[in-house]
Amino acid sequence: MKKQLQATESTPLTYRELEVIRLIEREYSNKQIAGELGISERTVETHRKNILRKTRTNNVIGLIKYIYEHKLV
């Protein structure tokens, strides 16, 4: 069963960014994320950059802490 992804007022992420986060949390590489979502690796890189900016985190470890604190997955 696929987990429901939901943006909140305190988390201004798009649905696509939440999909990317779900795959990052599952340890997918950019190439794997691109294949899973049918987008280019460059687009994945852009999503990752935007996610880090919006969540005010600096790396994947900080992002993972953020998504669990905000119950995004």
PDB file of N, CA and C in Angstrom:
ATOM      1  N   MET A   1       0.838  -1.186   0.000  1.00  0.00           N
ATOM      2  CA  MET A   1       0.000   0.000   0.000  1.00  0.00           C
ATOM      3  C   MET A   1       0.881   1.245   0.000  1.00  0.00           C
ATOM      4  N   LYS A   2       0.626   2.158  -0.892  1.00  0.00           N
ATOM      5  CA  LYS A   2       1.407   3.373  -1.018  1.00  0.00           C
ATOM      6  C   LYS A   2       1.008   4.373   0.064  1.00  0.00           C
ATOM      7  N   LYS A   3       2.015   4.937   0.729  1.00  0.00           N
ATOM      8  CA  LYS A   3       1.737   5.925   1.762  1.00  0.00           C
ATOM      9  C   LYS A   3       1.179   7.192   1.146  1.00  0.00           C
ATOM     10  N   GLN A   4       0.268   7.809   1.833  1.00  0.00           N
ATOM     11  CA  GLN A   4      -0.302   9.081   1.381  1.00  0.00           C
ATOM     12  C   GLN A   4       0.693  10.202   1.678  1.00  0.00           C
ATOM     13  N   LEU A   5       0.975  10.999   0.714  1.00  0.00           N
ATOM     14  CA  LEU A   5       1.860  12.137   0.894  1.00  0.00           C
ATOM     15  C   LEU A   5       1.018  13.390   1.015  1.00  0.00           C
ATOM     16  N   GLN A   6       1.379  14.232   1.949  1.00  0.00           N
ATOM     17  CA  GLN A   6       0.558  15.411   2.159  1.00  0.00           C
ATOM     18  C   GLN A   6       1.426  16.595   2.559  1.00  0.00           C
ATOM     19  N   ALA A   7       1.278  17.678   1.842  1.00  0.00           N
ATOM     20  CA  ALA A   7       1.952  18.918   2.213  1.00  0.00           C
ATOM     21  C   ALA A   7       1.095  19.607   3.274  1.00  0.00           C
ATOM     22  N   THR A   8       1.755  20.291   4.155  1.00  0.00           N
ATOM     23  CA  THR A   8       1.026  21.038   5.175  1.00  0.00           C
ATOM     24  C   THR A   8       1.364  22.510   5.034  1.00  0.00           C
ATOM     25  N   GLU A   9       0.642  23.330   5.774  1.00  0.00           N
ATOM     26  CA  GLU A   9       0.900  24.766   5.717  1.00  0.00           C
ATOM     27  C   GLU A   9       2.329  25.081   6.156  1.00  0.00           C
ATOM     28  N   SER A  10       2.825  24.331   7.143  1.00  0.00           N
ATOM     29  CA  SER A  10       4.180  24.570   7.636  1.00  0.00           C
ATOM     30  C   SER A  10       5.236  23.928   6.736  1.00  0.00           C
ATOM     31  N   THR A  11       4.808  23.099   5.785  1.00  0.00           N
ATOM     32  CA  THR A  11       5.714  22.436   4.859  1.00  0.00           C
ATOM     33  C   THR A  11       5.277  22.741   3.436  1.00  0.00           C
ATOM     34  N   PRO A  12       5.793  23.806   2.868  1.00  0.00           N
ATOM     35  CA  PRO A  12       5.341  24.240   1.530  1.00  0.00           C
ATOM     36  C   PRO A  12       5.980  23.452   0.391  1.00  0.00           C
ATOM     37  N   LEU A  13       5.839  22.140   0.416  1.00  0.00           N
ATOM     38  CA  LEU A  13       6.421  21.299  -0.621  1.00  0.00           C
ATOM     39  C   LEU A  13       5.344  20.876  -1.607  1.00  0.00           C
ATOM     40  N   THR A  14       5.741  20.718  -2.855  1.00  0.00           N
ATOM     41  CA  THR A  14       4.800  20.253  -3.866  1.00  0.00           C
ATOM     42  C   THR A  14       4.634  18.742  -3.740  1.00  0.00           C
ATOM     43  N   TYR A  15       3.587  18.235  -4.377  1.00  0.00           N
ATOM     44  CA  TYR A  15       3.364  16.793  -4.363  1.00  0.00           C
ATOM     45  C   TYR A  15       4.555  16.059  -4.964  1.00  0.00           C
ATOM     46  N   ARG A  16       5.114  16.575  -6.050  1.00  0.00           N
ATOM     47  CA  ARG A  16       6.265  15.939  -6.701  1.00  0.00           C
ATOM     48  C   ARG A  16       7.475  15.935  -5.773  1.00  0.00           C
ATOM     49  N   GLU A  17       7.689  17.029  -5.059  1.00  0.00           N
ATOM     50  CA  GLU A  17       8.801  17.071  -4.104  1.00  0.00           C
ATOM     51  C   GLU A  17       8.599  16.034  -3.006  1.00  0.00           C
ATOM     52  N   LEU A  18       7.379  15.849  -2.570  1.00  0.00           N
ATOM     53  CA  LEU A  18       7.093  14.824  -1.568  1.00  0.00           C
ATOM     54  C   LEU A  18       7.349  13.421  -2.122  1.00  0.00           C
ATOM     55  N   GLU A  19       7.051  13.214  -3.402  1.00  0.00           N
ATOM     56  CA  GLU A  19       7.359  11.925  -4.029  1.00  0.00           C
ATOM     57  C   GLU A  19       8.870  11.689  -4.037  1.00  0.00           C
ATOM     58  N   VAL A  20       9.637  12.732  -4.365  1.00  0.00           N
ATOM     59  CA  VAL A  20      11.097  12.623  -4.378  1.00  0.00           C
ATOM     60  C   VAL A  20      11.598  12.316  -2.970  1.00  0.00           C
ATOM     61  N   ILE A  21      11.048  12.983  -1.960  1.00  0.00           N
ATOM     62  CA  ILE A  21      11.441  12.730  -0.571  1.00  0.00           C
ATOM     63  C   ILE A  21      11.187  11.277  -0.195  1.00  0.00           C
ATOM     64  N   ARG A  22      10.040  10.750  -0.588  1.00  0.00           N
ATOM     65  CA  ARG A  22       9.704   9.357  -0.280  1.00  0.00           C
ATOM     66  C   ARG A  22      10.773   8.419  -0.845  1.00  0.00           C
ATOM     67  N   LEU A  23      11.244   8.714  -2.037  1.00  0.00           N
ATOM     68  CA  LEU A  23      12.252   7.865  -2.667  1.00  0.00           C
ATOM     69  C   LEU A  23      13.642   8.095  -2.072  1.00  0.00           C
ATOM     70  N   ILE A  24      13.946   9.324  -1.677  1.00  0.00           N
ATOM     71  CA  ILE A  24      15.212   9.598  -0.985  1.00  0.00           C
ATOM     72  C   ILE A  24      15.246   8.804   0.314  1.00  0.00           C
ATOM     73  N   GLU A  25      14.126   8.805   1.014  1.00  0.00           N
ATOM     74  CA  GLU A  25      14.030   8.090   2.291  1.00  0.00           C
ATOM     75  C   GLU A  25      14.249   6.587   2.089  1.00  0.00           C
ATOM     76  N   ARG A  26      13.899   6.084   0.916  1.00  0.00           N
ATOM     77  CA  ARG A  26      14.098   4.667   0.583  1.00  0.00           C
ATOM     78  C   ARG A  26      15.488   4.409  -0.010  1.00  0.00           C
ATOM     79  N   GLU A  27      16.364   5.427   0.036  1.00  0.00           N
ATOM     80  CA  GLU A  27      17.760   5.350  -0.404  1.00  0.00           C
ATOM     81  C   GLU A  27      17.924   5.178  -1.903  1.00  0.00           C
ATOM     82  N   TYR A  28      16.993   5.706  -2.688  1.00  0.00           N
ATOM     83  CA  TYR A  28      17.115   5.682  -4.142  1.00  0.00           C
ATOM     84  C   TYR A  28      18.148   6.720  -4.579  1.00  0.00           C
ATOM     85  N   SER A  29      18.894   6.398  -5.622  1.00  0.00           N
ATOM     86  CA  SER A  29      19.823   7.359  -6.222  1.00  0.00           C
ATOM     87  C   SER A  29      19.028   8.300  -7.130  1.00  0.00           C
ATOM     88  N   ASN A  30      19.667   9.371  -7.575  1.00  0.00           N
ATOM     89  CA  ASN A  30      18.996  10.287  -8.507  1.00  0.00           C
ATOM     90  C   ASN A  30      18.548   9.549  -9.762  1.00  0.00           C
ATOM     91  N   LYS A  31      19.382   8.651 -10.257  1.00  0.00           N
ATOM     92  CA  LYS A  31      19.046   7.890 -11.462  1.00  0.00           C
ATOM     93  C   LYS A  31      17.823   7.007 -11.214  1.00  0.00           C
ATOM     94  N   GLN A  32      17.769   6.360 -10.062  1.00  0.00           N
ATOM     95  CA  GLN A  32      16.628   5.505  -9.733  1.00  0.00           C
ATOM     96  C   GLN A  32      15.353   6.328  -9.558  1.00  0.00           C
ATOM     97  N   ILE A  33      15.478   7.485  -8.917  1.00  0.00           N
ATOM     98  CA  ILE A  33      14.318   8.372  -8.730  1.00  0.00           C
ATOM     99  C   ILE A  33      13.797   8.816 -10.088  1.00  0.00           C
ATOM    100  N   ALA A  34      14.715   9.209 -10.961  1.00  0.00           N
ATOM    101  CA  ALA A  34      14.323   9.654 -12.304  1.00  0.00           C
ATOM    102  C   ALA A  34      13.569   8.553 -13.036  1.00  0.00           C
ATOM    103  N   GLY A  35      14.070   7.342 -12.970  1.00  0.00           N
ATOM    104  CA  GLY A  35      13.411   6.225 -13.629  1.00  0.00           C
ATOM    105  C   GLY A  35      12.040   5.934 -13.039  1.00  0.00           C
ATOM    106  N   GLU A  36      11.938   5.970 -11.736  1.00  0.00           N
ATOM    107  CA  GLU A  36      10.676   5.688 -11.042  1.00  0.00           C
ATOM    108  C   GLU A  36       9.602   6.722 -11.371  1.00  0.00           C
ATOM    109  N   LEU A  37      10.009   7.994 -11.471  1.00  0.00           N
ATOM    110  CA  LEU A  37       9.045   9.071 -11.691  1.00  0.00           C
ATOM    111  C   LEU A  37       8.915   9.485 -13.152  1.00  0.00           C
ATOM    112  N   GLY A  38       9.767   8.932 -14.010  1.00  0.00           N
ATOM    113  CA  GLY A  38       9.695   9.271 -15.433  1.00  0.00           C
ATOM    114  C   GLY A  38      10.136  10.691 -15.736  1.00  0.00           C
ATOM    115  N   ILE A  39      11.167  11.148 -15.018  1.00  0.00           N
ATOM    116  CA  ILE A  39      11.711  12.492 -15.224  1.00  0.00           C
ATOM    117  C   ILE A  39      13.221  12.364 -15.417  1.00  0.00           C
ATOM    118  N   SER A  40      13.873  13.455 -15.796  1.00  0.00           N
ATOM    119  CA  SER A  40      15.312  13.409 -16.011  1.00  0.00           C
ATOM    120  C   SER A  40      16.061  13.515 -14.680  1.00  0.00           C
ATOM    121  N   GLU A  41      17.310  13.056 -14.690  1.00  0.00           N
ATOM    122  CA  GLU A  41      18.146  13.178 -13.493  1.00  0.00           C
ATOM    123  C   GLU A  41      18.348  14.645 -13.119  1.00  0.00           C
ATOM    124  N   ARG A  42      18.443  15.490 -14.116  1.00  0.00           N
ATOM    125  CA  ARG A  42      18.609  16.926 -13.870  1.00  0.00           C
ATOM    126  C   ARG A  42      17.395  17.486 -13.114  1.00  0.00           C
ATOM    127  N   THR A  43      16.211  17.027 -13.478  1.00  0.00           N
ATOM    128  CA  THR A  43      14.998  17.468 -12.785  1.00  0.00           C
ATOM    129  C   THR A  43      15.010  16.974 -11.340  1.00  0.00           C
ATOM    130  N   VAL A  44      15.481  15.750 -11.123  1.00  0.00           N
ATOM    131  CA  VAL A  44      15.596  15.227  -9.759  1.00  0.00           C
ATOM    132  C   VAL A  44      16.551  16.103  -8.956  1.00  0.00           C
ATOM    133  N   GLU A  45      17.687  16.466  -9.537  1.00  0.00           N
ATOM    134  CA  GLU A  45      18.649  17.324  -8.851  1.00  0.00           C
ATOM    135  C   GLU A  45      18.007  18.658  -8.471  1.00  0.00           C
ATOM    136  N   THR A  46      17.224  19.212  -9.372  1.00  0.00           N
ATOM    137  CA  THR A  46      16.527  20.478  -9.093  1.00  0.00           C
ATOM    138  C   THR A  46      15.533  20.304  -7.956  1.00  0.00           C
ATOM    139  N   HIS A  47      14.767  19.213  -7.979  1.00  0.00           N
ATOM    140  CA  HIS A  47      13.824  18.946  -6.887  1.00  0.00           C
ATOM    141  C   HIS A  47      14.561  18.826  -5.559  1.00  0.00           C
ATOM    142  N   ARG A  48      15.670  18.100  -5.548  1.00  0.00           N
ATOM    143  CA  ARG A  48      16.445  17.925  -4.313  1.00  0.00           C
ATOM    144  C   ARG A  48      16.938  19.266  -3.792  1.00  0.00           C
ATOM    145  N   LYS A  49      17.444  20.100  -4.698  1.00  0.00           N
ATOM    146  CA  LYS A  49      17.930  21.423  -4.302  1.00  0.00           C
ATOM    147  C   LYS A  49      16.797  22.253  -3.696  1.00  0.00           C
ATOM    148  N   ASN A  50      15.644  22.239  -4.347  1.00  0.00           N
ATOM    149  CA  ASN A  50      14.494  22.995  -3.861  1.00  0.00           C
ATOM    150  C   ASN A  50      13.986  22.454  -2.522  1.00  0.00           C
ATOM    151  N   ILE A  51      13.994  21.138  -2.378  1.00  0.00           N
ATOM    152  CA  ILE A  51      13.556  20.523  -1.119  1.00  0.00           C
ATOM    153  C   ILE A  51      14.454  20.976   0.031  1.00  0.00           C
ATOM    154  N   LEU A  52      15.777  20.916  -0.176  1.00  0.00           N
ATOM    155  CA  LEU A  52      16.707  21.341   0.869  1.00  0.00           C
ATOM    156  C   LEU A  52      16.512  22.813   1.217  1.00  0.00           C
ATOM    157  N   ARG A  53      16.291  23.628   0.198  1.00  0.00           N
ATOM    158  CA  ARG A  53      16.070  25.058   0.440  1.00  0.00           C
ATOM    159  C   ARG A  53      14.792  25.288   1.235  1.00  0.00           C
ATOM    160  N   LYS A  54      13.712  24.648   0.812  1.00  0.00           N
ATOM    161  CA  LYS A  54      12.413  24.856   1.469  1.00  0.00           C
ATOM    162  C   LYS A  54      12.379  24.324   2.899  1.00  0.00           C
ATOM    163  N   THR A  55      13.112  23.245   3.143  1.00  0.00           N
ATOM    164  CA  THR A  55      13.119  22.662   4.487  1.00  0.00           C
ATOM    165  C   THR A  55      14.232  23.230   5.359  1.00  0.00           C
ATOM    166  N   ARG A  56      15.041  24.086   4.754  1.00  0.00           N
ATOM    167  CA  ARG A  56      16.170  24.709   5.446  1.00  0.00           C
ATOM    168  C   ARG A  56      17.106  23.669   6.052  1.00  0.00           C
ATOM    169  N   THR A  57      17.364  22.633   5.272  1.00  0.00           N
ATOM    170  CA  THR A  57      18.319  21.606   5.673  1.00  0.00           C
ATOM    171  C   THR A  57      19.506  21.655   4.719  1.00  0.00           C
ATOM    172  N   ASN A  58      20.622  21.065   5.149  1.00  0.00           N
ATOM    173  CA  ASN A  58      21.855  21.154   4.359  1.00  0.00           C
ATOM    174  C   ASN A  58      22.264  19.858   3.691  1.00  0.00           C
ATOM    175  N   ASN A  59      21.681  18.746   4.135  1.00  0.00           N
ATOM    176  CA  ASN A  59      22.076  17.452   3.580  1.00  0.00           C
ATOM    177  C   ASN A  59      20.960  16.437   3.801  1.00  0.00           C
ATOM    178  N   VAL A  60      21.178  15.228   3.318  1.00  0.00           N
ATOM    179  CA  VAL A  60      20.142  14.199   3.394  1.00  0.00           C
ATOM    180  C   VAL A  60      19.834  13.827   4.841  1.00  0.00           C
ATOM    181  N   ILE A  61      20.835  13.796   5.702  1.00  0.00           N
ATOM    182  CA  ILE A  61      20.598  13.455   7.109  1.00  0.00           C
ATOM    183  C   ILE A  61      19.651  14.484   7.729  1.00  0.00           C
ATOM    184  N   GLY A  62      19.924  15.761   7.506  1.00  0.00           N
ATOM    185  CA  GLY A  62      19.044  16.807   8.018  1.00  0.00           C
ATOM    186  C   GLY A  62      17.646  16.705   7.434  1.00  0.00           C
ATOM    187  N   LEU A  63      17.568  16.362   6.152  1.00  0.00           N
ATOM    188  CA  LEU A  63      16.271  16.212   5.492  1.00  0.00           C
ATOM    189  C   LEU A  63      15.486  15.057   6.092  1.00  0.00           C
ATOM    190  N   ILE A  64      16.145  13.932   6.338  1.00  0.00           N
ATOM    191  CA  ILE A  64      15.465  12.770   6.919  1.00  0.00           C
ATOM    192  C   ILE A  64      14.933  13.127   8.309  1.00  0.00           C
ATOM    193  N   LYS A  65      15.731  13.820   9.104  1.00  0.00           N
ATOM    194  CA  LYS A  65      15.250  14.263  10.419  1.00  0.00           C
ATOM    195  C   LYS A  65      14.017  15.147  10.261  1.00  0.00           C
ATOM    196  N   TYR A  66      14.075  16.053   9.313  1.00  0.00           N
ATOM    197  CA  TYR A  66      12.960  16.976   9.065  1.00  0.00           C
ATOM    198  C   TYR A  66      11.693  16.215   8.679  1.00  0.00           C
ATOM    199  N   ILE A  67      11.808  15.251   7.772  1.00  0.00           N
ATOM    200  CA  ILE A  67      10.591  14.575   7.299  1.00  0.00           C
ATOM    201  C   ILE A  67       9.967  13.721   8.404  1.00  0.00           C
ATOM    202  N   TYR A  68      10.788  13.174   9.306  1.00  0.00           N
ATOM    203  CA  TYR A  68      10.202  12.415  10.414  1.00  0.00           C
ATOM    204  C   TYR A  68       9.605  13.349  11.471  1.00  0.00           C
ATOM    205  N   GLU A  69      10.266  14.470  11.727  1.00  0.00           N
ATOM    206  CA  GLU A  69       9.721  15.443  12.680  1.00  0.00           C
ATOM    207  C   GLU A  69       8.386  16.004  12.224  1.00  0.00           C
ATOM    208  N   HIS A  70       8.238  16.177  10.907  1.00  0.00           N
ATOM    209  CA  HIS A  70       7.008  16.745  10.338  1.00  0.00           C
ATOM    210  C   HIS A  70       6.047  15.678   9.810  1.00  0.00           C
ATOM    211  N   LYS A  71       6.388  14.399  10.085  1.00  0.00           N
ATOM    212  CA  LYS A  71       5.524  13.266   9.711  1.00  0.00           C
ATOM    213  C   LYS A  71       5.120  13.281   8.231  1.00  0.00           C
ATOM    214  N   LEU A  72       6.108  13.486   7.366  1.00  0.00           N
ATOM    215  CA  LEU A  72       5.847  13.542   5.933  1.00  0.00           C
ATOM    216  C   LEU A  72       5.842  12.165   5.284  1.00  0.00           C
ATOM    217  N   VAL A  73       6.420  11.166   5.939  1.00  0.00           N
ATOM    218  CA  VAL A  73       6.367   9.790   5.430  1.00  0.00           C
ATOM    219  C   VAL A  73       5.944   8.855   6.529  1.00  0.00           C
TER     220      VAL A  73
END
